[in-house]
Protein backbone atom coordinates (compact mmCIF):
# COMPACT_ATOMS: atom_id res chain seq x y z
CA MET A 1 92.36 113.40 89.21
CA LEU A 2 93.18 111.00 92.01
CA ASP A 3 96.70 110.23 93.17
CA ARG A 4 98.00 106.82 94.24
CA ASP A 5 99.60 108.27 97.41
CA ASP A 6 96.33 109.93 98.38
CA ILE A 7 94.45 106.65 97.89
CA GLU A 8 97.06 104.84 100.01
CA ALA A 9 96.60 107.46 102.75
CA ASP A 10 92.81 107.13 102.50
CA LEU A 11 93.13 103.37 102.93
CA ALA A 12 95.40 103.81 105.93
CA ARG A 13 92.91 106.28 107.51
CA GLY A 14 89.92 104.20 106.56
CA GLN A 15 88.08 107.17 105.03
CA PRO A 16 85.05 105.55 103.40
CA GLU A 17 83.99 108.53 101.30
CA ASP A 18 87.47 108.86 99.81
CA ILE A 19 87.86 105.10 99.30
CA ARG A 20 84.51 105.12 97.49
CA ASP A 21 85.86 107.80 95.08
CA ALA A 22 88.87 105.62 94.35
CA PHE A 23 86.65 102.59 93.85
CA ASP A 24 84.41 104.55 91.41
CA ALA A 25 87.50 105.64 89.44
CA LEU A 26 88.95 102.13 89.31
CA VAL A 27 85.71 100.46 88.29
CA ARG A 28 85.26 103.04 85.55
CA TRP A 29 88.86 102.59 84.37
CA ASP A 30 89.08 103.08 80.64
CA GLY A 31 92.85 103.29 80.20
CA ALA A 32 92.94 106.99 80.55
CA SER A 33 91.33 107.38 83.91
CA GLY A 34 92.94 109.89 86.22
CA ILE A 35 95.02 108.10 88.86
CA ARG A 36 98.51 109.63 89.07
CA GLY A 37 101.42 107.60 90.34
CA MET A 38 100.55 104.31 88.64
CA ALA A 39 103.35 102.87 86.49
CA ARG A 40 102.46 99.17 86.21
CA ALA A 41 99.32 97.19 85.59
CA GLY A 42 100.17 94.89 88.50
CA ASP A 43 100.32 97.86 90.86
CA LEU A 44 96.96 99.07 89.62
CA MET A 45 95.44 95.63 90.06
CA ALA A 46 96.82 95.42 93.61
CA LEU A 47 95.37 98.87 94.43
CA PHE A 48 92.03 97.83 92.88
CA GLU A 49 91.90 94.73 95.16
CA ARG A 50 92.87 96.70 98.27
CA VAL A 51 90.28 99.41 97.66
CA SER A 52 87.61 96.84 96.91
CA THR A 53 88.46 94.83 100.05
CA ALA A 54 88.27 97.95 102.15
CA LEU A 55 84.67 98.47 101.08
CA LEU A 56 83.37 95.00 101.70
CA ASP A 57 81.38 96.05 104.76
CA ASP A 58 80.37 99.49 103.43
CA ASP A 59 76.61 99.98 103.34
CA GLY A 60 76.77 103.31 101.48
CA ARG A 61 74.67 103.59 98.38
CA VAL A 62 76.68 102.95 95.19
CA PRO A 63 75.94 105.39 92.30
CA PRO A 64 74.14 104.07 89.20
CA ASP A 65 77.15 104.99 86.98
CA THR A 66 79.40 102.72 89.01
CA VAL A 67 76.90 99.84 88.81
CA ARG A 68 76.70 100.33 85.01
CA ALA A 69 80.51 100.24 84.86
CA LEU A 70 80.49 96.98 86.86
CA LEU A 71 78.19 95.44 84.29
CA ARG A 72 80.05 96.65 81.21
CA GLY A 73 81.69 93.38 80.21
CA ARG A 74 82.80 92.58 83.75
CA GLY A 75 82.18 89.01 84.67
CA THR A 76 79.12 86.83 84.39
CA ALA A 77 77.59 87.02 87.85
CA PRO A 78 74.21 88.73 87.95
CA ALA A 79 74.33 92.29 89.32
CA ARG A 80 70.97 92.09 90.95
CA GLY A 81 71.28 93.22 94.49
CA VAL A 82 74.21 95.51 93.85
CA ALA A 83 72.96 98.44 95.91
CA THR A 84 75.73 99.22 98.37
CA TYR A 85 79.47 99.70 98.01
CA GLY A 86 79.86 96.42 99.85
CA ASP A 87 77.76 94.65 97.21
CA ALA A 88 79.70 96.38 94.44
CA ALA A 89 83.05 95.49 96.01
CA ARG A 90 82.09 91.84 96.31
CA PHE A 91 80.93 91.85 92.68
CA ALA A 92 84.10 93.57 91.54
CA LEU A 93 86.38 91.13 93.42
CA ALA A 94 84.49 88.14 92.11
CA ALA A 95 85.06 89.42 88.55
CA ARG A 96 88.50 90.94 89.16
CA ARG A 97 90.11 89.04 86.27
CA SER A 98 87.89 90.91 83.91
CA TRP A 99 89.61 94.20 84.84
CA TRP A 100 93.10 92.89 83.97
CA PRO A 101 92.89 93.39 80.16
CA ALA A 102 92.02 97.09 80.56
CA PHE A 103 94.63 97.57 83.25
CA ALA A 104 97.31 95.75 81.30
CA ALA A 105 96.56 97.60 78.06
CA SER A 106 97.01 100.88 79.88
CA PHE A 107 100.67 100.43 80.89
CA PRO A 108 103.84 99.04 79.60
CA ASP A 109 104.51 96.47 82.31
CA PRO A 110 108.32 96.19 82.46
CA ASP A 111 108.22 93.54 85.16
CA GLY A 112 105.89 91.36 83.21
CA ALA A 113 103.44 91.00 86.06
CA PRO A 114 101.37 87.93 85.37
CA GLU A 115 97.59 87.97 85.00
CA PRO A 116 96.06 87.69 88.48
CA VAL A 117 94.67 84.39 89.62
């Protein structure tokens, strides 16, 4: 199980391998995925965007399971050419609105964070 504070520390250090693990977990989010320290859908969405942005220039090979998760009802853009984490991050960010329903359904959002633009 991942922890929000650990992910934040990985982002601050710029550790690509650890950021990739966080990206994989976020892309595969099913409402019960293991990321401790998350209390609001808006916080999860912000973390998702930060993690994805951190990988935009990453040329590491993205695992097939993560590519499949990207395609599972996430946006309409073709996934051809999604081979690296950078490709996957760009695809995820382009389809970021498609993650909101799963994120929002996972948490009571007391602050009523609006759906991202």
